[in-house]
Protein backbone atom coordinates (compact mmCIF):
# COMPACT_ATOMS: atom_id res chain seq x y z
CA MET A 1 23.60 -24.44 -23.24
CA GLY A 2 19.93 -24.35 -22.39
CA ASN A 3 20.69 -25.05 -18.71
CA VAL A 4 23.06 -22.07 -18.57
CA GLU A 5 20.38 -19.76 -19.95
CA GLU A 6 17.93 -21.12 -17.39
CA TYR A 7 20.20 -20.24 -14.45
CA LYS A 8 21.18 -16.75 -15.66
CA PRO A 9 18.27 -14.99 -13.87
CA VAL A 10 19.18 -16.80 -10.63
CA ILE A 11 22.84 -15.74 -10.91
CA ALA A 12 21.80 -12.16 -11.71
CA MET A 13 19.54 -11.91 -8.64
CA LEU A 14 22.19 -13.46 -6.39
CA GLY A 15 24.71 -10.87 -7.58
CA LEU A 16 22.19 -8.06 -7.07
CA GLN A 17 21.44 -9.13 -3.49
CA LEU A 18 25.18 -9.30 -2.78
CA CYS A 19 25.50 -5.72 -4.05
CA TYR A 20 22.63 -4.63 -1.79
CA ALA A 21 24.25 -6.33 1.19
CA GLY A 22 27.60 -4.68 0.43
CA VAL A 23 26.00 -1.23 0.25
CA ILE A 24 24.22 -1.71 3.59
CA LEU A 25 27.33 -2.99 5.39
CA THR A 26 29.70 -0.34 4.03
CA SER A 27 27.13 2.36 4.81
CA GLU A 28 26.93 1.31 8.45
CA ALA A 29 30.72 1.07 8.75
CA THR A 30 31.03 4.58 7.33
CA LEU A 31 28.40 6.01 9.67
CA VAL A 32 29.78 4.34 12.80
CA ASN A 33 33.25 5.70 12.04
CA GLY A 34 31.92 9.22 12.55
CA THR A 35 30.37 10.35 9.27
CA SER A 36 27.09 12.19 9.76
CA PRO A 37 24.10 10.55 8.02
CA ARG A 38 23.23 13.90 6.41
CA VAL A 39 26.76 14.33 5.05
CA PHE A 40 26.79 10.72 3.85
CA ILE A 41 23.51 11.25 1.98
CA LEU A 42 24.89 14.45 0.45
CA TYR A 43 27.92 12.61 -0.92
CA ARG A 44 25.73 9.74 -2.09
CA GLN A 45 23.39 12.00 -4.07
CA ALA A 46 26.27 14.11 -5.39
CA PHE A 47 28.03 11.07 -6.87
CA ALA A 48 24.72 9.82 -8.29
CA THR A 49 24.15 13.21 -9.96
CA ILE A 50 27.66 13.22 -11.45
CA PHE A 51 27.12 9.70 -12.78
CA ILE A 52 23.71 10.44 -14.34
CA PHE A 53 24.49 13.93 -15.70
CA PRO A 54 26.35 12.77 -18.88
CA PHE A 55 23.41 10.55 -19.84
CA ILE A 56 21.06 13.53 -19.49
CA LEU A 57 23.24 15.58 -21.84
CA PHE A 58 23.32 12.86 -24.50
CA THR A 59 19.58 12.18 -24.39
CA ARG A 60 18.39 15.77 -24.00
CA GLY A 61 18.04 16.48 -27.71
CA ARG A 62 16.15 13.27 -28.39
CA SER A 63 13.37 13.92 -25.89
CA LYS A 64 10.13 15.16 -27.40
CA LEU A 65 8.12 15.23 -24.18
CA SER A 66 6.07 18.31 -23.36
CA ASN A 67 6.82 20.52 -20.39
CA LEU A 68 5.71 19.33 -16.96
CA ASP A 69 2.45 20.71 -15.65
CA LEU A 70 1.90 21.72 -12.03
CA ARG A 71 0.37 18.37 -11.05
CA SER A 72 3.26 16.32 -12.48
CA PHE A 73 5.83 18.59 -10.86
CA SER A 74 4.02 18.31 -7.51
CA LEU A 75 4.02 14.50 -7.69
CA ILE A 76 7.73 14.42 -8.55
CA PHE A 77 8.44 16.78 -5.65
CA MET A 78 6.43 14.64 -3.21
CA ALA A 79 8.08 11.42 -4.40
CA SER A 80 11.53 12.99 -4.02
CA LEU A 81 10.77 14.48 -0.61
CA VAL A 82 9.29 11.30 0.87
CA GLY A 83 11.17 8.63 -1.09
CA ILE A 84 14.64 10.19 -1.02
CA THR A 85 15.02 12.92 1.60
CA LEU A 86 12.89 11.49 4.42
CA TYR A 87 13.52 7.83 3.59
CA GLN A 88 17.31 8.03 3.39
CA ASN A 89 17.72 10.27 6.44
CA LEU A 90 15.53 8.02 8.58
CA TYR A 91 17.02 4.80 7.20
CA PHE A 92 20.71 5.66 7.62
CA GLU A 93 20.11 7.21 11.03
CA GLY A 94 18.24 4.03 11.96
CA ILE A 95 20.93 1.55 10.89
CA TYR A 96 23.50 3.73 12.69
CA LEU A 97 21.55 3.55 15.96
CA ALA A 98 20.30 -0.05 15.55
CA SER A 99 22.10 -2.36 13.11
CA SER A 100 22.51 -3.10 9.43
CA SER A 101 20.79 -6.49 9.78
CA MET A 102 17.76 -4.75 11.29
CA GLY A 103 17.64 -2.30 8.39
CA SER A 104 17.87 -5.12 5.86
CA ALA A 105 15.16 -7.18 7.58
CA MET A 106 12.80 -4.21 7.81
CA GLY A 107 13.12 -3.73 4.06
CA ASN A 108 11.16 -6.95 3.55
CA ILE A 109 7.96 -5.35 4.85
CA ILE A 110 7.92 -2.73 2.09
CA PRO A 111 5.74 -4.85 -0.28
CA ALA A 112 3.25 -5.41 2.55
CA PHE A 113 3.12 -1.72 3.46
CA THR A 114 2.82 -0.77 -0.21
CA PHE A 115 -0.17 -3.09 -0.53
CA LEU A 116 -1.73 -1.70 2.66
CA ILE A 117 -1.38 1.94 1.58
CA SER A 118 -2.68 1.09 -1.90
CA PHE A 119 -5.69 -0.66 -0.35
CA LEU A 120 -6.49 2.26 1.95
CA ALA A 121 -6.10 4.72 -0.93
CA GLY A 122 -8.42 2.68 -3.15
CA TYR A 123 -5.80 1.61 -5.70
CA GLU A 124 -5.83 -2.03 -4.60
CA LYS A 125 -8.94 -4.22 -4.59
CA VAL A 126 -9.21 -7.18 -2.22
CA ASN A 127 -11.72 -10.00 -2.43
CA PHE A 128 -12.18 -11.15 1.16
CA ARG A 129 -13.95 -14.31 -0.02
CA ASN A 130 -10.90 -15.35 -2.05
CA THR A 131 -7.98 -17.27 -0.55
CA ARG A 132 -5.40 -15.03 -2.23
CA GLY A 133 -7.15 -11.89 -0.99
CA LEU A 134 -7.07 -13.18 2.57
CA ALA A 135 -3.41 -14.15 2.10
CA LYS A 136 -2.52 -10.54 1.26
CA ILE A 137 -4.28 -9.26 4.39
CA LEU A 138 -2.85 -11.96 6.66
CA GLY A 139 0.64 -11.57 5.17
CA THR A 140 0.56 -7.83 5.85
CA VAL A 141 -0.46 -8.42 9.47
CA ILE A 142 2.29 -11.02 9.94
CA CYS A 143 4.88 -8.61 8.48
CA VAL A 144 3.84 -5.89 10.93
CA VAL A 145 3.87 -8.32 13.86
CA GLY A 146 7.34 -9.50 12.85
CA ALA A 147 8.62 -5.94 12.58
CA VAL A 148 7.23 -5.06 16.02
CA SER A 149 8.77 -8.24 17.47
CA MET A 150 12.17 -7.34 16.06
CA THR A 151 11.88 -3.89 17.62
CA LEU A 152 10.52 -4.67 21.09
CA ILE A 153 11.64 -8.26 21.82
CA ARG A 154 15.33 -9.07 22.15
CA GLY A 155 15.62 -12.30 24.17
CA PRO A 156 18.79 -14.38 24.57
CA LYS A 157 21.83 -13.58 22.48
CA ILE A 158 22.50 -15.95 19.55
CA LEU A 159 25.53 -14.45 17.79
CA ASN A 160 28.08 -12.82 20.08
CA SER A 161 30.50 -10.08 19.13
CA GLU A 162 33.22 -12.03 20.99
CA PHE A 163 33.60 -14.31 17.96
CA SER A 164 33.94 -11.47 15.44
CA LEU A 165 37.00 -11.13 13.27
CA PRO A 166 39.89 -8.90 14.46
CA ILE A 167 39.31 -6.50 11.57
CA ALA A 168 35.97 -5.55 13.15
CA LYS A 169 37.61 -3.37 15.80
CA SER A 170 39.57 -1.45 13.21
CA LEU A 171 36.39 -0.87 11.21
CA LEU A 172 34.14 0.20 14.08
CA GLY A 173 36.12 1.19 17.12
CA ASP A 174 33.74 1.55 20.08
CA ILE A 175 30.52 -0.43 20.14
CA LYS A 176 27.30 1.55 19.85
CA ASP A 177 25.14 2.43 22.83
CA GLN A 178 22.56 -0.36 23.10
CA ASN A 179 20.05 2.03 24.70
CA LEU A 180 19.51 3.65 21.30
CA TRP A 181 18.40 0.34 19.71
CA LEU A 182 14.67 1.06 20.03
CA LEU A 183 14.97 4.53 18.51
CA GLY A 184 16.98 3.16 15.59
CA CYS A 185 14.40 0.43 14.94
CA LEU A 186 11.58 2.97 14.96
CA LEU A 187 13.44 5.19 12.49
CA VAL A 188 14.00 2.27 10.11
CA PHE A 189 10.33 1.29 10.52
CA VAL A 190 9.15 4.79 9.60
CA SER A 191 11.60 4.88 6.67
CA THR A 192 9.93 1.79 5.19
CA LEU A 193 6.59 3.60 5.41
CA CYS A 194 8.09 6.58 3.57
CA TRP A 195 9.49 4.36 0.82
CA SER A 196 6.18 2.50 0.44
CA PHE A 197 4.32 5.80 0.16
CA SER A 198 6.78 7.06 -2.46
CA LEU A 199 6.20 3.89 -4.51
CA ILE A 200 2.51 4.69 -4.61
CA ILE A 201 3.27 8.21 -5.85
CA GLN A 202 5.76 7.35 -8.54
CA GLY A 203 4.26 4.02 -9.60
CA VAL A 204 7.54 2.58 -10.86
CA VAL A 205 10.84 2.26 -9.03
CA THR A 206 13.83 3.52 -11.01
CA SER A 207 17.43 3.27 -9.86
CA ALA A 208 20.39 2.70 -12.20
CA LEU A 209 21.90 -0.80 -11.98
CA SER A 210 19.16 -2.49 -9.96
CA THR A 211 16.50 -1.39 -12.45
CA THR A 212 18.48 -2.76 -15.38
CA VAL A 213 19.10 -6.15 -13.77
CA GLN A 214 15.61 -6.51 -12.32
CA ALA A 215 13.96 -5.46 -15.57
CA TRP A 216 15.86 -8.19 -17.41
CA VAL A 217 15.03 -10.80 -14.74
CA ILE A 218 11.35 -9.79 -14.72
CA SER A 219 11.21 -10.13 -18.51
CA LYS A 220 12.60 -13.67 -18.18
CA ARG A 221 10.89 -15.02 -15.05
CA GLY A 222 8.31 -12.44 -13.94
CA PRO A 223 8.14 -9.90 -11.08
CA LEU A 224 7.47 -12.43 -8.32
CA PHE A 225 10.66 -14.34 -9.12
CA SER A 226 12.61 -11.11 -8.60
CA ALA A 227 10.87 -10.30 -5.31
CA MET A 228 11.49 -13.79 -3.91
CA PHE A 229 15.21 -13.02 -3.58
CA ASN A 230 14.73 -10.00 -1.29
CA PRO A 231 15.10 -11.96 2.00
CA LEU A 232 18.45 -13.31 0.79
CA CYS A 233 19.97 -9.87 1.36
CA THR A 234 18.87 -10.05 5.01
CA VAL A 235 20.62 -13.40 5.49
CA ILE A 236 23.84 -12.15 3.87
CA VAL A 237 23.87 -8.92 5.89
CA THR A 238 23.20 -10.74 9.18
CA ILE A 239 26.04 -13.22 8.68
CA LEU A 240 28.62 -10.70 7.45
CA ALA A 241 27.63 -8.08 10.04
CA SER A 242 28.21 -10.55 12.88
CA MET A 243 31.66 -11.32 11.44
CA PHE A 244 32.92 -7.87 10.45
CA LEU A 245 30.80 -5.30 12.33
CA GLN A 246 30.52 -6.94 15.79
CA GLU A 247 26.73 -7.04 15.57
CA GLU A 248 24.86 -9.22 18.04
CA MET A 249 21.92 -11.37 16.97
CA PHE A 250 19.11 -11.92 19.46
CA THR A 251 16.28 -14.45 19.54
CA GLY A 252 13.60 -11.78 19.20
CA GLY A 253 15.22 -10.38 16.07
CA LEU A 254 15.54 -13.84 14.54
CA ILE A 255 11.90 -14.77 15.22
CA GLY A 256 10.67 -11.38 14.02
CA GLY A 257 12.75 -11.65 10.86
CA LEU A 258 11.27 -15.07 10.10
CA PHE A 259 7.77 -13.63 10.55
CA VAL A 260 8.57 -10.76 8.20
CA ILE A 261 9.88 -13.12 5.50
CA MET A 262 6.89 -15.45 5.92
CA GLY A 263 4.49 -12.51 5.62
CA LEU A 264 6.36 -11.26 2.56
CA TYR A 265 5.89 -14.55 0.73
CA MET A 266 2.21 -14.64 1.67
CA VAL A 267 1.68 -11.18 0.17
CA LEU A 268 3.62 -12.17 -2.95
CA TRP A 269 1.55 -15.34 -3.30
CA GLY A 270 -1.61 -13.30 -2.99
CA LYS A 271 -0.38 -10.83 -5.61
CA ALA A 272 0.65 -13.57 -8.05
CA LYS A 273 -2.88 -14.00 -9.39
CA ASP A 274 -3.28 -10.23 -9.81
CA VAL A 275 -0.16 -10.11 -11.99
CA ASP A 276 -1.47 -12.94 -14.18
CA VAL A 277 -4.84 -11.19 -14.53
CA MET A 278 -3.12 -7.92 -15.50
CA ILE A 279 -1.05 -9.69 -18.17
CA ILE A 280 -4.13 -11.45 -19.60
CA GLN A 281 -6.13 -8.20 -19.58
CA GLU A 282 -3.29 -6.39 -21.34
CA GLN A 283 -3.17 -9.10 -24.01
CA ILE A 284 -6.96 -8.85 -24.48
CA ASP A 285 -6.74 -5.05 -24.82
CA ASN A 286 -3.93 -5.38 -27.37
CA ASN A 287 -5.96 -7.91 -29.36
CA LYS A 288 -9.00 -5.62 -29.30
CA ASN A 289 -6.93 -2.68 -30.50
CA SER A 290 -5.46 -4.75 -33.33
CA GLU A 291 -8.94 -5.97 -34.32
CA VAL A 292 -10.30 -2.41 -34.38
CA LYS A 293 -7.34 -1.30 -36.49
CA ILE A 294 -7.94 -4.15 -38.96
CA GLN A 295 -11.64 -3.31 -39.16
CA ILE A 296 -10.87 0.35 -39.84
CA GLU A 297 -8.39 -0.58 -42.55
CA ASP A 298 -10.90 -3.01 -44.11
CA SER A 299 -13.67 -0.42 -44.06
CA SER A 300 -11.41 2.20 -45.63
CA ASP A 301 -10.38 -0.25 -48.36
CA THR A 302 -14.04 -1.13 -49.03
CA GLU A 303 -15.00 2.53 -49.20
CA LYS A 304 -12.15 3.19 -51.60
CA CYS A 305 -13.27 0.30 -53.85
CA ASN A 306 -16.83 1.58 -53.84
CA ASN A 307 -15.67 5.05 -54.78
CA ASP A 308 -13.58 3.64 -57.59
CA LEU A 309 -16.59 1.72 -58.90
CA LYS A 310 -19.00 4.64 -58.62
CA LYS A 311 -16.87 7.23 -60.35
CA PRO A 312 -16.96 5.67 -63.86
CA LEU A 313 -20.70 5.05 -63.59
CA LEU A 314 -21.42 8.64 -62.56
CA SER A 315 -19.27 10.05 -65.31
């Protein structure tokens, strides 16, 4: 029974990455069949609103939070504008012009870009004399180099659309214009920047099912265990897209994708120590707070005893 419990986080993350891959593939199939990216995003957000609205009604009376001030409202507006409107429009337009495997691979550079923006904004501290600090810098550079390689270098074809399944033609129809590949890659690249910037604004990512599963996995194995499964989505999307969506895999994209994944793991390795330090610091702060509370309670009890002793003597 213990072995089953041990593998539950692994099974959960595998299922989550399969869901991500399914969303990316079905999104591209929908867009290529003629649906406008703007209309697709409208439907996507409308269904999300309908799904969330009942939960808002049930929890509305329980909330005791104060009204939002101007600063909080401005941050929410910026996070929504950059992280939803700009990100989704650029991303879906990009996978329509380029490919779903490109969009999935580019998503692996988000942790590196988030670290870079945090460092430039002063939220992230880096010790250049430390191996882990250098790993974060080098991993970010490798991620960017890999993303640029995927965009600019194509090379020989590895996976041909000639070997795709017959259902691919019924799903897609005409193959996309290959001249728009570069523009699509650039749009996906900029969309990752938008998403990274929105993460800095909002601090915590929140999205229905993925948040629930990832929160449970993080509580069991930690945040780095969850992040390690991100490249798996790229592998699944690449294989299924070549089978069902007639996508062609080139040497440049493969090499660039490997660089992105390698850079991702370097950044995660560099961040691992920071997470441990944050957990230890949080435990120390909690212990200090509990000690202060005990001291206050002890002092109040002592003062009460002294008052009880003094009153009969004074009377």
